[in-house]
Amino acid sequence: ALLDVGVYPIALASMLFGEPSQIVSAAELGETGVDEQNGLLFSYPEGQIAVMSSALRTTTPTEATIMGTDGMIRISSPWWRSQEFTLIRSGQDKTPEVFNVPMKGNGYSHEADEVGRCMRAGELESSIMSLDETRSIMQMMDSIRAQWGLVYPSEVV
């Protein structure tokens, strides 16, 4: 679950907050040793907290909610290819504002477009998702797997 669908909420948290200062996690490993579901709690140096989960065998919400002191943004399900998000402000006027963004392709087209742009420009990496950020996300997932004692056969020396 972590390496399949879990990378997406981790990448979103990384884009919003950067690298966490602490990671706490739990997982249910199936009979084959695969992580079937997990829960993740990241905390950040400036006080932000990201709560995430991913699963293969259970149905989980596929929406994202970003909450702050001035309100929140709710990205409709499934958040990675949603056409709609809602801004709900704190305070007197709590009337939700709904924003519609036309979806292009199946939701992954933006990734392919960025790869194409980088290739045409002769760039070796994207400024949107740099190699350093990609490595950081992989290191986070390795750290999470280490908490579970989950080692893949290719990693055994």
N, C-alpha and C. Protein backbone atom coordinates (compact mmCIF):
# COMPACT_ATOMS: atom_id res chain seq x y z
N ALA A 1 0.83 -1.20 0.00
CA ALA A 1 0.00 0.00 0.00
C ALA A 1 0.87 1.26 0.00
N LEU A 2 1.94 1.22 0.81
CA LEU A 2 2.78 2.41 0.93
C LEU A 2 3.40 2.81 -0.40
N LEU A 3 4.04 1.86 -1.08
CA LEU A 3 4.74 2.19 -2.31
C LEU A 3 3.80 2.30 -3.51
N ASP A 4 2.59 1.78 -3.39
CA ASP A 4 1.62 1.85 -4.49
C ASP A 4 0.84 3.15 -4.41
N VAL A 5 -0.01 3.30 -3.43
CA VAL A 5 -0.86 4.49 -3.33
C VAL A 5 -0.44 5.45 -2.22
N GLY A 6 0.39 4.99 -1.30
CA GLY A 6 0.82 5.83 -0.18
C GLY A 6 1.75 6.96 -0.58
N VAL A 7 2.43 6.81 -1.70
CA VAL A 7 3.36 7.84 -2.14
C VAL A 7 2.62 9.14 -2.46
N TYR A 8 1.37 9.08 -2.88
CA TYR A 8 0.65 10.29 -3.29
C TYR A 8 0.33 11.22 -2.11
N PRO A 9 -0.24 10.74 -1.01
CA PRO A 9 -0.42 11.68 0.11
C PRO A 9 0.90 12.16 0.70
N ILE A 10 1.92 11.30 0.68
CA ILE A 10 3.24 11.73 1.18
C ILE A 10 3.79 12.84 0.29
N ALA A 11 3.66 12.69 -1.02
CA ALA A 11 4.13 13.72 -1.95
C ALA A 11 3.37 15.03 -1.76
N LEU A 12 2.06 14.94 -1.53
CA LEU A 12 1.27 16.15 -1.29
C LEU A 12 1.76 16.84 -0.02
N ALA A 13 1.94 16.09 1.06
CA ALA A 13 2.44 16.67 2.31
C ALA A 13 3.82 17.28 2.11
N SER A 14 4.66 16.62 1.32
CA SER A 14 5.99 17.13 1.05
C SER A 14 5.93 18.45 0.29
N MET A 15 5.04 18.54 -0.69
CA MET A 15 4.90 19.78 -1.46
C MET A 15 4.41 20.93 -0.57
N LEU A 16 3.54 20.60 0.38
CA LEU A 16 2.98 21.63 1.26
C LEU A 16 3.92 22.04 2.37
N PHE A 17 4.60 21.07 3.00
CA PHE A 17 5.33 21.33 4.25
C PHE A 17 6.82 21.02 4.21
N GLY A 18 7.27 20.33 3.19
CA GLY A 18 8.69 19.95 3.16
C GLY A 18 8.93 18.63 3.87
N GLU A 19 10.11 18.50 4.43
CA GLU A 19 10.50 17.25 5.09
C GLU A 19 10.05 17.25 6.55
N PRO A 20 9.43 16.17 7.00
CA PRO A 20 8.96 16.13 8.39
C PRO A 20 10.13 15.97 9.37
N SER A 21 9.92 16.45 10.58
CA SER A 21 10.93 16.27 11.63
C SER A 21 10.69 14.98 12.39
N GLN A 22 9.46 14.45 12.31
CA GLN A 22 9.14 13.19 12.98
C GLN A 22 8.10 12.43 12.16
N ILE A 23 8.27 11.11 12.11
CA ILE A 23 7.33 10.24 11.42
C ILE A 23 6.93 9.13 12.37
N VAL A 24 5.63 8.97 12.57
CA VAL A 24 5.10 7.87 13.37
C VAL A 24 4.15 7.11 12.45
N SER A 25 4.23 5.78 12.48
CA SER A 25 3.39 5.02 11.56
C SER A 25 3.01 3.68 12.15
N ALA A 26 2.00 3.10 11.56
CA ALA A 26 1.57 1.74 11.91
C ALA A 26 1.07 1.08 10.63
N ALA A 27 1.23 -0.24 10.56
CA ALA A 27 0.78 -0.96 9.36
C ALA A 27 0.26 -2.32 9.74
N GLU A 28 -0.61 -2.82 8.89
CA GLU A 28 -1.08 -4.20 8.98
C GLU A 28 -0.43 -4.94 7.81
N LEU A 29 0.44 -5.89 8.16
CA LEU A 29 1.10 -6.68 7.13
C LEU A 29 0.29 -7.95 6.91
N GLY A 30 0.03 -8.27 5.64
CA GLY A 30 -0.75 -9.45 5.30
C GLY A 30 0.09 -10.72 5.38
N GLU A 31 -0.54 -11.83 5.06
CA GLU A 31 0.12 -13.13 5.13
C GLU A 31 1.36 -13.20 4.25
N THR A 32 1.36 -12.47 3.16
CA THR A 32 2.51 -12.51 2.24
C THR A 32 3.60 -11.51 2.63
N GLY A 33 3.35 -10.73 3.68
CA GLY A 33 4.32 -9.73 4.12
C GLY A 33 4.10 -8.37 3.51
N VAL A 34 3.10 -8.24 2.66
CA VAL A 34 2.79 -6.96 2.03
C VAL A 34 2.03 -6.07 3.02
N ASP A 35 2.37 -4.79 3.03
CA ASP A 35 1.61 -3.85 3.87
C ASP A 35 0.26 -3.60 3.21
N GLU A 36 -0.78 -4.10 3.85
CA GLU A 36 -2.13 -4.01 3.28
C GLU A 36 -2.82 -2.70 3.62
N GLN A 37 -2.46 -2.13 4.76
CA GLN A 37 -2.99 -0.82 5.13
C GLN A 37 -2.05 -0.18 6.13
N ASN A 38 -2.07 1.14 6.15
CA ASN A 38 -1.18 1.85 7.06
C ASN A 38 -1.76 3.19 7.44
N GLY A 39 -1.25 3.71 8.54
CA GLY A 39 -1.57 5.05 9.00
C GLY A 39 -0.27 5.78 9.26
N LEU A 40 -0.20 7.04 8.85
CA LEU A 40 1.01 7.83 8.97
C LEU A 40 0.72 9.16 9.65
N LEU A 41 1.62 9.56 10.52
CA LEU A 41 1.52 10.86 11.19
C LEU A 41 2.87 11.54 11.06
N PHE A 42 2.90 12.65 10.33
CA PHE A 42 4.13 13.41 10.14
C PHE A 42 4.00 14.71 10.93
N SER A 43 5.06 15.11 11.62
CA SER A 43 5.08 16.43 12.24
C SER A 43 6.25 17.21 11.66
N TYR A 44 6.11 18.52 11.64
CA TYR A 44 7.04 19.40 10.95
C TYR A 44 7.58 20.46 11.90
N PRO A 45 8.77 20.99 11.59
CA PRO A 45 9.43 21.94 12.49
C PRO A 45 8.60 23.18 12.83
N GLU A 46 7.73 23.61 11.91
CA GLU A 46 6.95 24.82 12.16
C GLU A 46 5.58 24.53 12.77
N GLY A 47 5.36 23.28 13.23
CA GLY A 47 4.14 22.94 13.94
C GLY A 47 3.05 22.28 13.12
N GLN A 48 3.24 22.13 11.82
CA GLN A 48 2.23 21.47 11.00
C GLN A 48 2.22 19.97 11.30
N ILE A 49 1.06 19.37 11.06
CA ILE A 49 0.89 17.92 11.22
C ILE A 49 0.15 17.40 9.99
N ALA A 50 0.64 16.30 9.44
CA ALA A 50 -0.05 15.65 8.32
C ALA A 50 -0.48 14.26 8.80
N VAL A 51 -1.76 13.94 8.62
CA VAL A 51 -2.31 12.63 8.97
C VAL A 51 -2.75 11.98 7.66
N MET A 52 -2.19 10.81 7.39
CA MET A 52 -2.43 10.16 6.10
C MET A 52 -2.64 8.67 6.30
N SER A 53 -3.24 8.05 5.31
CA SER A 53 -3.37 6.59 5.32
C SER A 53 -3.41 6.11 3.87
N SER A 54 -3.08 4.83 3.72
CA SER A 54 -3.24 4.19 2.41
C SER A 54 -3.53 2.72 2.65
N ALA A 55 -4.22 2.12 1.71
CA ALA A 55 -4.63 0.73 1.89
C ALA A 55 -4.85 0.06 0.55
N LEU A 56 -4.68 -1.25 0.57
CA LEU A 56 -4.96 -2.07 -0.61
C LEU A 56 -6.22 -2.90 -0.42
N ARG A 57 -6.50 -3.31 0.82
CA ARG A 57 -7.59 -4.24 1.07
C ARG A 57 -8.83 -3.60 1.67
N THR A 58 -8.73 -2.36 2.07
CA THR A 58 -9.89 -1.69 2.64
C THR A 58 -10.20 -0.44 1.83
N THR A 59 -11.43 -0.02 1.88
CA THR A 59 -11.84 1.20 1.19
C THR A 59 -11.56 2.38 2.11
N THR A 60 -10.82 3.33 1.61
CA THR A 60 -10.48 4.51 2.39
C THR A 60 -10.93 5.76 1.64
N PRO A 61 -11.12 6.86 2.35
CA PRO A 61 -11.45 8.10 1.65
C PRO A 61 -10.31 8.49 0.71
N THR A 62 -10.63 9.01 -0.43
CA THR A 62 -9.60 9.45 -1.37
C THR A 62 -9.75 10.95 -1.60
N GLU A 63 -9.87 11.66 -0.50
CA GLU A 63 -9.96 13.11 -0.56
C GLU A 63 -8.85 13.69 0.30
N ALA A 64 -8.57 14.95 0.11
CA ALA A 64 -7.55 15.62 0.91
C ALA A 64 -8.18 16.84 1.55
N THR A 65 -7.84 17.08 2.80
CA THR A 65 -8.28 18.27 3.51
C THR A 65 -7.05 18.95 4.09
N ILE A 66 -6.90 20.21 3.76
CA ILE A 66 -5.78 21.00 4.27
C ILE A 66 -6.39 22.03 5.21
N MET A 67 -6.03 21.94 6.49
CA MET A 67 -6.64 22.81 7.50
C MET A 67 -5.60 23.78 8.05
N GLY A 68 -6.03 25.01 8.26
CA GLY A 68 -5.16 26.03 8.83
C GLY A 68 -5.96 26.95 9.73
N THR A 69 -5.29 27.93 10.28
CA THR A 69 -5.94 28.83 11.23
C THR A 69 -6.98 29.74 10.56
N ASP A 70 -6.88 29.95 9.25
CA ASP A 70 -7.82 30.83 8.55
C ASP A 70 -8.92 30.08 7.81
N GLY A 71 -8.90 28.74 7.91
CA GLY A 71 -9.92 27.96 7.23
C GLY A 71 -9.36 26.65 6.74
N MET A 72 -10.04 26.08 5.74
CA MET A 72 -9.57 24.81 5.20
C MET A 72 -9.93 24.70 3.72
N ILE A 73 -9.18 23.82 3.07
CA ILE A 73 -9.43 23.50 1.67
C ILE A 73 -9.73 22.01 1.61
N ARG A 74 -10.85 21.66 1.03
CA ARG A 74 -11.22 20.26 0.86
C ARG A 74 -11.17 19.94 -0.62
N ILE A 75 -10.33 18.97 -0.98
CA ILE A 75 -10.19 18.55 -2.37
C ILE A 75 -11.01 17.28 -2.52
N SER A 76 -11.94 17.31 -3.45
CA SER A 76 -12.89 16.21 -3.63
C SER A 76 -12.19 14.92 -4.05
N SER A 77 -12.92 13.84 -3.89
CA SER A 77 -12.42 12.50 -4.17
C SER A 77 -12.53 12.18 -5.65
N PRO A 78 -11.55 11.53 -6.22
CA PRO A 78 -10.22 11.28 -5.69
C PRO A 78 -9.34 12.52 -5.85
N TRP A 79 -8.65 12.92 -4.80
CA TRP A 79 -7.97 14.21 -4.75
C TRP A 79 -6.91 14.39 -5.84
N TRP A 80 -6.27 13.31 -6.29
CA TRP A 80 -5.18 13.46 -7.27
C TRP A 80 -5.68 13.75 -8.67
N ARG A 81 -6.98 13.59 -8.90
CA ARG A 81 -7.51 13.96 -10.22
C ARG A 81 -8.85 14.67 -10.09
N SER A 82 -9.04 15.32 -8.97
CA SER A 82 -10.30 16.01 -8.72
C SER A 82 -10.44 17.23 -9.61
N GLN A 83 -11.66 17.54 -9.94
CA GLN A 83 -11.97 18.74 -10.70
C GLN A 83 -12.52 19.83 -9.80
N GLU A 84 -12.63 19.53 -8.51
CA GLU A 84 -13.30 20.47 -7.63
C GLU A 84 -12.60 20.54 -6.27
N PHE A 85 -12.49 21.77 -5.76
CA PHE A 85 -12.06 21.93 -4.38
C PHE A 85 -12.89 23.02 -3.74
N THR A 86 -13.01 22.93 -2.42
CA THR A 86 -13.85 23.85 -1.67
C THR A 86 -13.00 24.59 -0.64
N LEU A 87 -13.13 25.90 -0.60
CA LEU A 87 -12.47 26.73 0.38
C LEU A 87 -13.49 27.11 1.43
N ILE A 88 -13.20 26.80 2.67
CA ILE A 88 -14.09 27.15 3.79
C ILE A 88 -13.28 28.03 4.73
N ARG A 89 -13.65 29.29 4.82
CA ARG A 89 -12.91 30.25 5.64
C ARG A 89 -13.41 30.24 7.08
N SER A 90 -12.51 30.49 8.00
CA SER A 90 -12.89 30.65 9.41
C SER A 90 -13.48 32.04 9.60
N GLY A 91 -14.20 32.23 10.70
CA GLY A 91 -14.70 33.56 11.02
C GLY A 91 -16.16 33.74 10.68
N GLN A 92 -16.52 35.00 10.47
CA GLN A 92 -17.92 35.38 10.26
C GLN A 92 -18.53 34.72 9.02
N ASP A 93 -17.88 34.91 7.87
CA ASP A 93 -18.44 34.39 6.63
C ASP A 93 -17.88 33.01 6.36
N LYS A 94 -18.63 31.98 6.72
CA LYS A 94 -18.18 30.60 6.53
C LYS A 94 -18.84 29.97 5.31
N THR A 95 -19.31 30.81 4.39
CA THR A 95 -19.92 30.29 3.17
C THR A 95 -18.85 29.61 2.33
N PRO A 96 -18.99 28.32 2.08
CA PRO A 96 -17.97 27.63 1.27
C PRO A 96 -17.92 28.17 -0.16
N GLU A 97 -16.70 28.31 -0.67
CA GLU A 97 -16.50 28.69 -2.06
C GLU A 97 -16.02 27.45 -2.81
N VAL A 98 -16.74 27.11 -3.86
CA VAL A 98 -16.38 25.93 -4.65
C VAL A 98 -15.68 26.38 -5.92
N PHE A 99 -14.55 25.76 -6.20
CA PHE A 99 -13.77 26.06 -7.39
C PHE A 99 -13.73 24.82 -8.27
N ASN A 100 -13.97 25.00 -9.53
CA ASN A 100 -13.91 23.89 -10.50
C ASN A 100 -12.72 24.11 -11.43
N VAL A 101 -11.92 23.09 -11.55
CA VAL A 101 -10.75 23.11 -12.41
C VAL A 101 -10.93 22.00 -13.43
N PRO A 102 -10.93 22.33 -14.71
CA PRO A 102 -11.13 21.28 -15.71
C PRO A 102 -10.03 20.21 -15.61
N MET A 103 -10.44 18.96 -15.61
CA MET A 103 -9.48 17.87 -15.56
C MET A 103 -8.98 17.59 -16.96
N LYS A 104 -7.70 17.33 -17.02
CA LYS A 104 -7.06 17.03 -18.29
C LYS A 104 -6.68 15.55 -18.26
N GLY A 105 -7.17 14.78 -19.20
CA GLY A 105 -6.81 13.36 -19.24
C GLY A 105 -7.35 12.61 -18.04
N ASN A 106 -6.55 11.67 -17.51
CA ASN A 106 -6.99 10.83 -16.39
C ASN A 106 -6.47 11.32 -15.05
N GLY A 107 -5.89 12.51 -15.02
CA GLY A 107 -5.36 13.05 -13.78
C GLY A 107 -3.85 12.95 -13.69
N TYR A 108 -3.25 12.09 -14.48
CA TYR A 108 -1.80 11.94 -14.49
C TYR A 108 -1.17 12.68 -15.66
N SER A 109 -1.97 13.31 -16.47
CA SER A 109 -1.47 14.00 -17.66
C SER A 109 -0.50 15.12 -17.31
N HIS A 110 -0.71 15.75 -16.15
CA HIS A 110 0.18 16.84 -15.74
C HIS A 110 1.61 16.33 -15.56
N GLU A 111 1.73 15.11 -15.02
CA GLU A 111 3.06 14.52 -14.85
C GLU A 111 3.71 14.31 -16.22
N ALA A 112 2.98 13.73 -17.15
CA ALA A 112 3.52 13.48 -18.49
C ALA A 112 3.86 14.80 -19.19
N ASP A 113 3.01 15.81 -19.04
CA ASP A 113 3.28 17.11 -19.65
C ASP A 113 4.57 17.71 -19.10
N GLU A 114 4.79 17.58 -17.80
CA GLU A 114 5.99 18.14 -17.18
C GLU A 114 7.23 17.40 -17.64
N VAL A 115 7.15 16.09 -17.77
CA VAL A 115 8.29 15.32 -18.30
C VAL A 115 8.60 15.79 -19.72
N GLY A 116 7.58 15.92 -20.55
CA GLY A 116 7.77 16.40 -21.91
C GLY A 116 8.38 17.79 -21.96
N ARG A 117 7.90 18.67 -21.09
CA ARG A 117 8.45 20.04 -21.03
C ARG A 117 9.92 20.00 -20.67
N CYS A 118 10.26 19.21 -19.65
CA CYS A 118 11.67 19.10 -19.23
C CYS A 118 12.54 18.56 -20.35
N MET A 119 12.05 17.56 -21.05
CA MET A 119 12.83 16.97 -22.14
C MET A 119 13.05 17.99 -23.27
N ARG A 120 12.00 18.72 -23.64
CA ARG A 120 12.14 19.71 -24.71
C ARG A 120 13.10 20.84 -24.31
N ALA A 121 13.10 21.16 -23.01
CA ALA A 121 13.96 22.24 -22.52
C ALA A 121 15.37 21.74 -22.20
N GLY A 122 15.60 20.44 -22.32
CA GLY A 122 16.91 19.88 -22.01
C GLY A 122 17.21 19.85 -20.52
N GLU A 123 16.15 19.90 -19.70
CA GLU A 123 16.32 19.88 -18.24
C GLU A 123 16.39 18.44 -17.76
N LEU A 124 17.26 18.17 -16.80
CA LEU A 124 17.42 16.83 -16.26
C LEU A 124 16.47 16.54 -15.11
N GLU A 125 15.84 17.58 -14.57
CA GLU A 125 14.85 17.38 -13.51
C GLU A 125 13.86 18.53 -13.52
N SER A 126 12.73 18.30 -12.88
CA SER A 126 11.65 19.27 -12.82
C SER A 126 11.81 20.17 -11.59
N SER A 127 11.46 21.43 -11.77
CA SER A 127 11.45 22.33 -10.61
C SER A 127 10.21 22.07 -9.75
N ILE A 128 9.21 21.41 -10.31
CA ILE A 128 8.00 21.08 -9.55
C ILE A 128 8.25 19.91 -8.61
N MET A 129 8.93 18.89 -9.10
CA MET A 129 9.28 17.71 -8.29
C MET A 129 10.74 17.40 -8.59
N SER A 130 11.61 17.97 -7.77
CA SER A 130 13.04 17.84 -8.01
C SER A 130 13.54 16.44 -7.63
N LEU A 131 14.73 16.12 -8.09
CA LEU A 131 15.35 14.87 -7.72
C LEU A 131 15.57 14.81 -6.21
N ASP A 132 15.96 15.93 -5.60
CA ASP A 132 16.15 15.95 -4.15
C ASP A 132 14.86 15.64 -3.40
N GLU A 133 13.74 16.22 -3.88
CA GLU A 133 12.46 15.95 -3.22
C GLU A 133 12.04 14.49 -3.44
N THR A 134 12.27 13.97 -4.63
CA THR A 134 11.96 12.58 -4.92
C THR A 134 12.75 11.66 -3.99
N ARG A 135 14.04 11.92 -3.85
CA ARG A 135 14.88 11.13 -2.92
C ARG A 135 14.38 11.26 -1.49
N SER A 136 14.02 12.47 -1.09
CA SER A 136 13.52 12.69 0.27
C SER A 136 12.27 11.87 0.53
N ILE A 137 11.35 11.83 -0.43
CA ILE A 137 10.12 11.06 -0.28
C ILE A 137 10.44 9.57 -0.19
N MET A 138 11.36 9.10 -1.01
CA MET A 138 11.77 7.68 -0.95
C MET A 138 12.41 7.36 0.40
N GLN A 139 13.22 8.29 0.93
CA GLN A 139 13.83 8.08 2.24
C GLN A 139 12.77 8.05 3.35
N MET A 140 11.74 8.89 3.22
CA MET A 140 10.64 8.85 4.18
C MET A 140 9.96 7.48 4.16
N MET A 141 9.70 6.97 2.94
CA MET A 141 9.03 5.67 2.83
C MET A 141 9.94 4.54 3.33
N ASP A 142 11.24 4.66 3.11
CA ASP A 142 12.17 3.66 3.66
C ASP A 142 12.16 3.70 5.18
N SER A 143 12.11 4.89 5.75
CA SER A 143 12.05 5.05 7.20
C SER A 143 10.76 4.44 7.76
N ILE A 144 9.67 4.65 7.06
CA ILE A 144 8.38 4.09 7.48
C ILE A 144 8.44 2.56 7.45
N ARG A 145 8.94 2.01 6.35
CA ARG A 145 9.05 0.55 6.24
C ARG A 145 9.95 -0.01 7.33
N ALA A 146 11.01 0.71 7.69
CA ALA A 146 11.90 0.26 8.76
C ALA A 146 11.16 0.20 10.09
N GLN A 147 10.23 1.14 10.33
CA GLN A 147 9.42 1.10 11.55
C GLN A 147 8.60 -0.18 11.62
N TRP A 148 8.20 -0.69 10.47
CA TRP A 148 7.37 -1.89 10.40
C TRP A 148 8.20 -3.17 10.33
N GLY A 149 9.50 -3.02 10.08
CA GLY A 149 10.33 -4.20 9.86
C GLY A 149 10.09 -4.82 8.50
N LEU A 150 9.62 -4.04 7.55
CA LEU A 150 9.29 -4.53 6.22
C LEU A 150 10.51 -4.38 5.31
N VAL A 151 11.07 -5.52 4.93
CA VAL A 151 12.25 -5.56 4.06
C VAL A 151 11.88 -6.40 2.85
N TYR A 152 12.19 -5.88 1.65
CA TYR A 152 11.90 -6.62 0.43
C TYR A 152 13.03 -7.59 0.11
N PRO A 153 12.70 -8.71 -0.56
CA PRO A 153 13.72 -9.73 -0.86
C PRO A 153 14.93 -9.14 -1.60
N SER A 154 14.74 -8.16 -2.46
CA SER A 154 15.86 -7.58 -3.20
C SER A 154 16.80 -6.78 -2.31
N GLU A 155 16.36 -6.45 -1.08
CA GLU A 155 17.18 -5.66 -0.16
C GLU A 155 18.03 -6.56 0.75
N VAL A 156 17.74 -7.84 0.78
CA VAL A 156 18.46 -8.76 1.66
C VAL A 156 19.83 -9.04 1.03
N VAL A 157 20.85 -8.83 1.81
CA VAL A 157 22.20 -9.06 1.30
C VAL A 157 22.71 -10.41 1.74
